[in-house]
Amino acid sequence: MEAKTRFKRLQEVSEELTVDESIPIARYFRSGREMLKMANIYRNEGEYEKAFILYMKYITLFVQKIREHPEFKEANVIEKKWAKDKCKEVFPLAEELKVVIMKKYEDEYDAYIKEKRKREADEREKQLKLEKENQLKREKREALEKEQLLLKFEEAKERQNALFVDVKPSAPIADNLNRGEDLEINVNSMRNSTPTVDRTTKPSHLLSFHHDEKLRKIFVPNELVTKFLLIAEPNTLRNVETCGILAGKLSHNSFTITHVLIPSQTGTSDSCQTAKEEIVFTFQDENDLMTLGWIHTHPSQSSFMSSIDLHTHCSYQLMLSEAIAIVCSPKYNQIGIYSLTHNYGLNFIANCAVTGFHPHPKEPPIYEESKHVIFDNKPIQIIDLR
């Protein structure tokens, strides 16, 4: 498609953003900072379209959408000012990327048109060549058929001459036998019909632009769970849950978990509540880390996602589609890495207003084993901020 149309679709993607009133506004300000980190990484890596979308989402969020949140008036004044100032920086960055992307789209469209014209010229040349070949074949076939019919006529004439060697044929019969007009006139009618060439069928060449909805990979260190369980062991022995924040980096369109941050928290046998999150945020900012999900223990239960776990994870996954939840069951030696299903579970939980432990339907599935996780041998740091 033309550059302007293609760029318009890119802008439409960047405007697909809603604010969930059930998510604390502080989480949006936090995610805004991570959105800019991600955009800057993509811009530095030459992924200009992804960077542009994130910059525009940031502008859409903090110029328009965030005001719809019921907590906006009471939100942290410093965070508001920070976001407002950043919007002023992001606008020119987005404009610079627009110029680069439009140039790329125009060049690609020009190349496509040239290639299309070349293919069409090649196709016309191919059709002309095919028509000439078919014409030569027809002419050869007609000549051969005519030659065969004339030969048959001569053979028939010789047989008749042999039968009537002592009899002089009458004038009308002789005229007919000595004349081949009727047979030659019928050469075309006796020839097999030649199939016609369908020139309306041509290869279809389509150009479409769509945004890749495939989840980006998350690399999880093999020793992450083992190290986390050692930190959680005192709570586990007391039948108390422990939770941590999974943090890491983005590089070349994939994430790597590099840290597990243990925030201040209170826990029970089936729940865990974090506190003083600003300490976690400060550590992440100082170390340029993004939030990639969370991890917690089930000290006396198996590995699964409770209703409270699902609602907790929903806020992570609404901010980052790839966010994962790791659930560790030391008692049953089970480890599960889960995501809300994108085609159903995420929207279902986001629209569920029930609090506390409550039942959810089992079908269709609300959550599943994360399919975008890759284990590796990279190091992991457990940072206890309690």
Protein backbone atom coordinates (compact mmCIF):
# COMPACT_ATOMS: atom_id res chain seq x y z
CA MET A 1 0.00 0.00 0.00
CA GLU A 2 1.00 3.62 -0.37
CA ALA A 3 3.22 5.17 2.30
CA LYS A 4 0.53 7.50 3.73
CA THR A 5 -2.00 4.69 4.10
CA ARG A 6 0.56 2.39 5.66
CA PHE A 7 1.69 5.06 8.12
CA LYS A 8 -1.92 5.80 9.05
CA ARG A 9 -2.33 2.17 10.10
CA LEU A 10 0.78 2.49 12.23
CA GLN A 11 -0.72 5.52 13.96
CA GLU A 12 -3.96 3.65 14.57
CA VAL A 13 -2.04 0.93 16.41
CA SER A 14 -0.38 3.53 18.61
CA GLU A 15 -3.80 4.92 19.57
CA GLU A 16 -5.16 1.54 20.72
CA LEU A 17 -4.88 2.27 24.42
CA THR A 18 -7.39 2.21 27.27
CA VAL A 19 -7.04 3.00 30.97
CA ASP A 20 -8.31 0.41 33.44
CA GLU A 21 -9.80 2.14 36.48
CA SER A 22 -9.11 -0.89 38.70
CA ILE A 23 -5.34 -0.52 38.24
CA PRO A 24 -3.75 2.07 40.55
CA ILE A 25 -2.69 5.18 38.69
CA ALA A 26 0.80 4.83 40.17
CA ARG A 27 1.20 1.66 38.10
CA TYR A 28 0.50 3.66 34.93
CA PHE A 29 3.11 6.26 35.78
CA ARG A 30 5.53 3.41 36.49
CA SER A 31 4.73 1.67 33.22
CA GLY A 32 5.14 4.98 31.39
CA ARG A 33 8.76 5.14 32.49
CA GLU A 34 9.32 1.58 31.28
CA MET A 35 7.56 2.39 28.01
CA LEU A 36 10.13 5.11 27.33
CA LYS A 37 13.02 2.78 28.22
CA MET A 38 11.68 0.24 25.75
CA ALA A 39 11.12 2.87 23.05
CA ASN A 40 14.67 4.20 23.43
CA ILE A 41 16.10 0.67 23.12
CA TYR A 42 14.12 0.01 19.95
CA ARG A 43 15.19 3.37 18.48
CA ASN A 44 18.85 2.65 19.22
CA GLU A 45 18.52 -0.81 17.63
CA GLY A 46 16.95 0.62 14.47
CA GLU A 47 13.45 -0.78 15.17
CA TYR A 48 11.88 2.56 14.31
CA GLU A 49 8.29 1.41 13.90
CA LYS A 50 8.19 -0.22 17.35
CA ALA A 51 9.85 2.84 18.89
CA PHE A 52 7.36 5.17 17.19
CA ILE A 53 4.37 3.16 18.44
CA LEU A 54 5.66 3.26 22.03
CA TYR A 55 6.42 7.00 21.89
CA MET A 56 2.95 7.71 20.51
CA LYS A 57 1.33 5.45 23.12
CA TYR A 58 3.18 7.39 25.79
CA ILE A 59 1.86 10.68 24.39
CA THR A 60 -1.67 9.27 24.06
CA LEU A 61 -1.57 7.94 27.63
CA PHE A 62 -0.24 11.03 29.40
CA VAL A 63 -1.77 13.79 27.26
CA GLN A 64 -5.26 12.28 26.95
CA LYS A 65 -6.13 8.93 28.51
CA ILE A 66 -4.64 9.24 32.00
CA ARG A 67 -7.09 12.05 32.81
CA GLU A 68 -9.92 9.49 32.60
CA HIS A 69 -8.53 7.64 35.63
CA PRO A 70 -10.56 8.35 38.80
CA GLU A 71 -7.34 8.84 40.81
CA PHE A 72 -5.88 11.46 38.46
CA LYS A 73 -6.66 14.52 40.58
CA GLU A 74 -5.07 12.97 43.67
CA ALA A 75 -2.11 11.48 41.79
CA ASN A 76 1.47 12.26 42.79
CA VAL A 77 2.26 15.80 41.63
CA ILE A 78 5.91 14.93 40.96
CA GLU A 79 4.89 11.99 38.73
CA LYS A 80 2.44 14.18 36.84
CA LYS A 81 5.08 16.82 36.19
CA TRP A 82 7.65 14.20 35.18
CA ALA A 83 5.25 12.68 32.65
CA LYS A 84 4.27 16.12 31.30
CA ASP A 85 7.91 17.14 30.84
CA LYS A 86 8.71 13.83 29.13
CA CYS A 87 5.88 14.35 26.66
CA LYS A 88 7.62 17.55 25.52
CA GLU A 89 10.78 15.49 24.87
CA VAL A 90 8.93 12.65 23.17
CA PHE A 91 7.01 14.76 20.63
CA PRO A 92 10.12 15.76 18.60
CA LEU A 93 11.47 12.20 18.83
CA ALA A 94 8.24 10.85 17.39
CA GLU A 95 8.34 13.47 14.61
CA GLU A 96 11.91 12.49 13.72
CA LEU A 97 10.89 8.85 13.52
CA LYS A 98 7.87 9.74 11.39
CA VAL A 99 10.18 11.25 8.76
CA VAL A 100 12.44 8.17 8.82
CA ILE A 101 9.53 5.72 8.66
CA MET A 102 7.75 7.64 5.87
CA LYS A 103 10.96 7.64 3.82
CA LYS A 104 11.28 3.89 4.39
CA TYR A 105 7.66 3.28 3.38
CA GLU A 106 8.00 5.47 0.26
CA ASP A 107 11.17 3.67 -0.81
CA GLU A 108 9.57 0.28 -0.23
CA TYR A 109 6.43 1.30 -2.14
CA ASP A 110 8.51 2.63 -5.06
CA ALA A 111 10.50 -0.61 -5.11
CA TYR A 112 7.25 -2.59 -5.03
CA ILE A 113 5.79 -0.60 -7.98
CA LYS A 114 8.98 -1.10 -9.99
CA GLU A 115 8.98 -4.80 -9.24
CA LYS A 116 5.27 -5.04 -10.06
CA ARG A 117 5.78 -3.31 -13.43
CA LYS A 118 8.73 -5.55 -14.19
CA ARG A 119 6.66 -8.64 -13.38
CA GLU A 120 3.82 -7.39 -15.56
CA ALA A 121 6.24 -6.69 -18.44
CA ASP A 122 7.78 -10.13 -17.97
CA GLU A 123 4.31 -11.65 -17.94
CA ARG A 124 3.32 -9.85 -21.17
CA GLU A 125 6.54 -10.98 -22.82
CA LYS A 126 5.92 -14.52 -21.59
CA GLN A 127 2.35 -14.46 -22.96
CA LEU A 128 3.51 -13.15 -26.36
CA LYS A 129 6.15 -15.83 -26.53
CA LEU A 130 3.60 -18.46 -25.59
CA GLU A 131 1.17 -17.19 -28.23
CA LYS A 132 3.86 -17.34 -30.92
CA GLU A 133 4.79 -20.87 -29.87
CA ASN A 134 1.13 -21.93 -29.94
CA GLN A 135 0.69 -20.30 -33.39
CA LEU A 136 3.69 -22.23 -34.76
CA LYS A 137 2.31 -25.45 -33.26
CA ARG A 138 -1.07 -24.81 -34.86
CA GLU A 139 0.48 -24.09 -38.26
CA LYS A 140 2.62 -27.24 -38.09
CA ARG A 141 -0.38 -29.31 -37.00
CA GLU A 142 -2.55 -27.91 -39.81
CA ALA A 143 0.16 -28.59 -42.40
CA LEU A 144 0.60 -32.14 -41.13
CA GLU A 145 -3.14 -32.83 -41.10
CA LYS A 146 -3.49 -31.44 -44.63
CA GLU A 147 -0.58 -33.55 -45.80
CA GLN A 148 -2.10 -36.70 -44.22
CA LEU A 149 -5.50 -36.05 -45.78
CA LEU A 150 -3.99 -35.51 -49.23
CA LEU A 151 -2.01 -38.71 -48.82
CA LYS A 152 -5.20 -40.62 -47.92
CA PHE A 153 -6.89 -39.10 -50.96
CA GLU A 154 -4.08 -40.26 -53.27
CA GLU A 155 -4.20 -43.77 -51.75
CA ALA A 156 -7.96 -43.95 -52.26
CA LYS A 157 -7.58 -42.73 -55.83
CA GLU A 158 -5.00 -45.44 -56.60
CA ARG A 159 -7.26 -48.18 -55.11
CA GLN A 160 -10.18 -47.03 -57.21
CA ASN A 161 -8.02 -46.92 -60.35
CA ALA A 162 -6.95 -50.53 -59.66
CA LEU A 163 -10.60 -51.69 -59.30
CA PHE A 164 -11.73 -50.04 -62.49
CA VAL A 165 -8.60 -50.67 -64.58
CA ASP A 166 -10.72 -52.32 -67.41
CA VAL A 167 -13.68 -50.06 -66.99
CA LYS A 168 -13.72 -46.53 -68.24
CA PRO A 169 -15.58 -44.47 -65.69
CA SER A 170 -18.30 -42.14 -66.75
CA ALA A 171 -17.48 -38.48 -67.00
CA PRO A 172 -19.20 -37.39 -63.72
CA ILE A 173 -17.38 -40.12 -61.72
CA ALA A 174 -14.05 -39.33 -63.33
CA ASP A 175 -14.54 -35.68 -62.57
CA ASN A 176 -15.18 -36.44 -58.92
CA LEU A 177 -12.21 -38.84 -58.61
CA ASN A 178 -9.83 -36.49 -60.36
CA ARG A 179 -10.83 -33.61 -58.14
CA GLY A 180 -9.94 -33.15 -54.47
CA GLU A 181 -11.70 -29.89 -53.88
CA ASP A 182 -14.34 -31.31 -51.49
CA LEU A 183 -11.75 -33.15 -49.37
CA GLU A 184 -9.43 -30.15 -49.21
CA ILE A 185 -12.33 -27.84 -48.38
CA ASN A 186 -13.16 -30.11 -45.39
CA VAL A 187 -9.59 -30.17 -44.01
CA ASN A 188 -10.37 -27.52 -41.38
CA SER A 189 -13.65 -29.16 -40.32
CA MET A 190 -11.95 -32.57 -39.83
CA ARG A 191 -9.07 -31.11 -37.77
CA ASN A 192 -9.26 -31.50 -33.98
CA SER A 193 -10.09 -28.23 -32.20
CA THR A 194 -7.10 -26.45 -30.57
CA PRO A 195 -7.49 -25.50 -26.86
CA THR A 196 -7.51 -21.76 -26.20
CA VAL A 197 -5.09 -20.05 -23.77
CA ASP A 198 -6.72 -18.32 -20.78
CA ARG A 199 -4.93 -14.97 -20.55
CA THR A 200 -7.06 -13.66 -17.67
CA THR A 201 -5.33 -15.79 -15.02
CA LYS A 202 -2.29 -13.99 -13.62
CA PRO A 203 -0.28 -14.40 -10.40
CA SER A 204 -1.70 -12.47 -7.49
CA HIS A 205 0.76 -10.17 -5.72
CA LEU A 206 -0.42 -8.81 -2.41
CA LEU A 207 1.25 -6.26 -0.11
CA SER A 208 -0.17 -5.89 3.39
CA PHE A 209 1.11 -4.38 6.58
CA HIS A 210 0.25 -5.94 9.92
CA HIS A 211 1.78 -5.75 13.38
CA ASP A 212 3.29 -8.92 14.71
CA GLU A 213 1.13 -10.08 17.61
CA LYS A 214 3.46 -12.93 18.48
CA LEU A 215 4.74 -12.62 22.03
CA ARG A 216 8.35 -11.65 22.49
CA LYS A 217 10.54 -14.28 24.15
CA ILE A 218 11.46 -14.09 27.84
CA PHE A 219 14.71 -15.75 28.87
CA VAL A 220 14.54 -17.19 32.40
CA PRO A 221 17.79 -18.22 34.18
CA ASN A 222 17.80 -21.87 35.24
CA GLU A 223 18.90 -21.03 38.78
CA LEU A 224 16.24 -18.36 39.36
CA VAL A 225 13.73 -20.59 41.18
CA THR A 226 16.37 -22.36 43.28
CA LYS A 227 17.80 -19.07 44.54
CA PHE A 228 14.33 -17.63 45.18
CA LEU A 229 13.26 -20.67 47.20
CA LEU A 230 16.35 -20.29 49.43
CA ILE A 231 15.33 -16.71 50.20
CA ALA A 232 11.73 -17.83 50.79
CA GLU A 233 12.61 -20.84 52.95
CA PRO A 234 12.11 -19.17 56.37
CA ASN A 235 8.58 -18.14 55.34
CA THR A 236 7.91 -21.51 53.73
CA LEU A 237 8.74 -23.30 57.01
CA ARG A 238 6.17 -21.06 58.72
CA ASN A 239 3.60 -21.78 55.97
CA VAL A 240 3.73 -18.18 54.74
CA GLU A 241 3.84 -17.10 51.09
CA THR A 242 6.78 -15.12 49.70
CA CYS A 243 6.64 -13.00 46.56
CA GLY A 244 9.14 -11.19 44.36
CA ILE A 245 9.24 -8.96 41.29
CA LEU A 246 10.84 -10.29 38.09
CA ALA A 247 12.92 -7.55 36.49
CA GLY A 248 15.24 -7.46 33.51
CA LYS A 249 16.28 -6.03 30.17
CA LEU A 250 15.05 -5.75 26.59
CA SER A 251 17.46 -6.48 23.75
CA HIS A 252 16.81 -7.32 20.10
CA ASN A 253 13.08 -7.78 20.67
CA SER A 254 13.39 -10.27 23.54
CA PHE A 255 13.50 -9.96 27.32
CA THR A 256 15.93 -11.43 29.82
CA ILE A 257 15.18 -11.68 33.55
CA THR A 258 18.30 -10.51 35.39
CA HIS A 259 16.95 -9.73 38.87
CA VAL A 260 14.38 -10.93 41.38
CA LEU A 261 13.49 -8.07 43.73
CA ILE A 262 12.04 -9.01 47.13
CA PRO A 263 9.96 -6.05 48.35
CA SER A 264 8.68 -5.40 51.85
CA GLN A 265 5.66 -7.64 52.31
CA THR A 266 3.21 -9.38 54.59
CA GLY A 267 1.99 -12.88 53.93
CA THR A 268 -0.35 -15.67 54.98
CA SER A 269 -0.63 -19.33 53.99
CA ASP A 270 -2.48 -18.35 50.80
CA SER A 271 -1.72 -14.69 50.09
CA CYS A 272 1.05 -12.11 49.94
CA GLN A 273 0.80 -8.31 50.02
CA THR A 274 3.68 -6.01 48.99
CA ALA A 275 4.49 -2.67 50.57
CA LYS A 276 6.88 0.27 50.01
CA GLU A 277 6.92 -0.32 46.24
CA GLU A 278 8.69 3.02 45.74
CA ILE A 279 11.88 1.33 47.02
CA VAL A 280 11.54 -1.28 44.28
CA PHE A 281 10.89 1.40 41.66
CA THR A 282 13.94 3.38 42.73
CA PHE A 283 16.14 0.30 42.46
CA GLN A 284 14.77 -0.44 38.99
CA ASP A 285 15.37 3.12 37.80
CA GLU A 286 18.91 3.15 39.16
CA ASN A 287 19.68 -0.15 37.40
CA ASP A 288 17.63 0.48 34.24
CA LEU A 289 15.36 -2.53 34.83
CA MET A 290 11.89 -3.32 33.48
CA THR A 291 9.13 -5.24 35.26
CA LEU A 292 8.65 -8.60 33.52
CA GLY A 293 6.28 -10.32 35.95
CA TRP A 294 6.31 -11.78 39.43
CA ILE A 295 7.07 -14.93 41.40
CA HIS A 296 5.57 -16.34 44.59
CA THR A 297 5.36 -19.51 46.65
CA HIS A 298 2.51 -21.81 47.60
CA PRO A 299 4.03 -23.24 50.81
CA SER A 300 1.42 -25.95 51.39
CA GLN A 301 -0.42 -26.14 48.06
CA SER A 302 0.35 -27.26 44.52
CA SER A 303 1.39 -24.91 41.71
CA PHE A 304 -1.65 -23.19 40.21
CA MET A 305 -3.16 -19.72 39.83
CA SER A 306 -5.73 -18.87 42.50
CA SER A 307 -8.42 -16.27 41.80
CA ILE A 308 -6.38 -13.67 43.71
CA ASP A 309 -3.26 -14.68 41.75
CA LEU A 310 -5.16 -14.19 38.49
CA HIS A 311 -6.28 -10.69 39.45
CA THR A 312 -2.79 -9.80 40.65
CA HIS A 313 -1.25 -11.02 37.42
CA CYS A 314 -3.85 -9.25 35.27
CA SER A 315 -2.39 -5.86 36.16
CA TYR A 316 1.08 -7.06 35.12
CA GLN A 317 -0.10 -8.50 31.82
CA LEU A 318 -2.26 -5.48 30.95
CA MET A 319 0.92 -3.40 31.14
CA LEU A 320 3.15 -5.91 29.37
CA SER A 321 1.66 -8.71 27.27
CA GLU A 322 4.68 -10.92 27.91
CA ALA A 323 4.58 -10.61 31.73
CA ILE A 324 4.72 -14.01 33.44
CA ALA A 325 3.77 -15.42 36.84
CA ILE A 326 6.01 -18.09 38.37
CA VAL A 327 4.31 -20.18 41.07
CA CYS A 328 6.56 -22.39 43.21
CA SER A 329 5.26 -25.30 45.29
CA PRO A 330 8.13 -26.55 47.53
CA LYS A 331 5.90 -29.17 49.19
CA TYR A 332 4.97 -30.86 45.90
CA ASN A 333 8.20 -29.91 44.09
CA GLN A 334 6.23 -28.16 41.35
CA ILE A 335 7.10 -25.08 39.33
CA GLY A 336 4.60 -23.41 37.02
CA ILE A 337 5.08 -20.42 34.71
CA TYR A 338 1.74 -18.98 33.71
CA SER A 339 0.06 -16.35 31.52
CA LEU A 340 -3.56 -15.33 31.17
CA THR A 341 -4.91 -16.54 27.84
CA HIS A 342 -4.86 -13.63 25.38
CA ASN A 343 -7.99 -14.65 23.52
CA TYR A 344 -10.15 -14.88 26.65
CA GLY A 345 -8.60 -14.89 30.13
CA LEU A 346 -7.05 -11.43 30.12
CA ASN A 347 -10.28 -9.64 29.20
CA PHE A 348 -12.34 -11.88 31.48
CA ILE A 349 -10.26 -11.13 34.57
CA ALA A 350 -9.92 -7.44 33.69
CA ASN A 351 -13.75 -7.20 33.68
CA CYS A 352 -14.27 -9.30 36.81
CA ALA A 353 -15.13 -6.99 39.73
CA VAL A 354 -15.30 -9.69 42.43
CA THR A 355 -12.65 -9.44 45.16
CA GLY A 356 -11.13 -12.02 47.50
CA PHE A 357 -11.13 -15.73 46.71
CA HIS A 358 -13.94 -16.60 44.31
CA PRO A 359 -14.61 -19.22 41.62
CA HIS A 360 -14.00 -18.70 37.91
CA PRO A 361 -15.29 -20.89 35.07
CA LYS A 362 -12.82 -23.53 33.89
CA GLU A 363 -13.85 -23.33 30.24
CA PRO A 364 -12.62 -21.65 28.17
CA PRO A 365 -9.23 -21.68 29.95
CA ILE A 366 -8.43 -18.44 31.79
CA TYR A 367 -4.70 -19.12 32.11
CA GLU A 368 -2.12 -21.45 30.62
CA GLU A 369 1.53 -22.44 30.76
CA SER A 370 3.53 -19.60 29.22
CA LYS A 371 4.67 -20.56 25.72
CA HIS A 372 7.17 -17.74 25.17
CA VAL A 373 9.62 -18.69 27.95
CA ILE A 374 13.13 -19.96 27.23
CA PHE A 375 15.43 -21.22 29.99
CA ASP A 376 19.11 -20.36 29.83
CA ASN A 377 22.26 -20.33 31.95
CA LYS A 378 22.52 -16.57 32.41
CA PRO A 379 23.19 -15.32 35.97
CA ILE A 380 20.40 -14.07 38.24
CA GLN A 381 20.59 -11.69 41.17
CA ILE A 382 18.19 -11.93 44.12
CA ILE A 383 17.89 -8.49 45.73
CA ASP A 384 16.23 -8.52 49.15
CA LEU A 385 14.74 -5.07 49.75
CA ARG A 386 12.82 -5.93 52.90
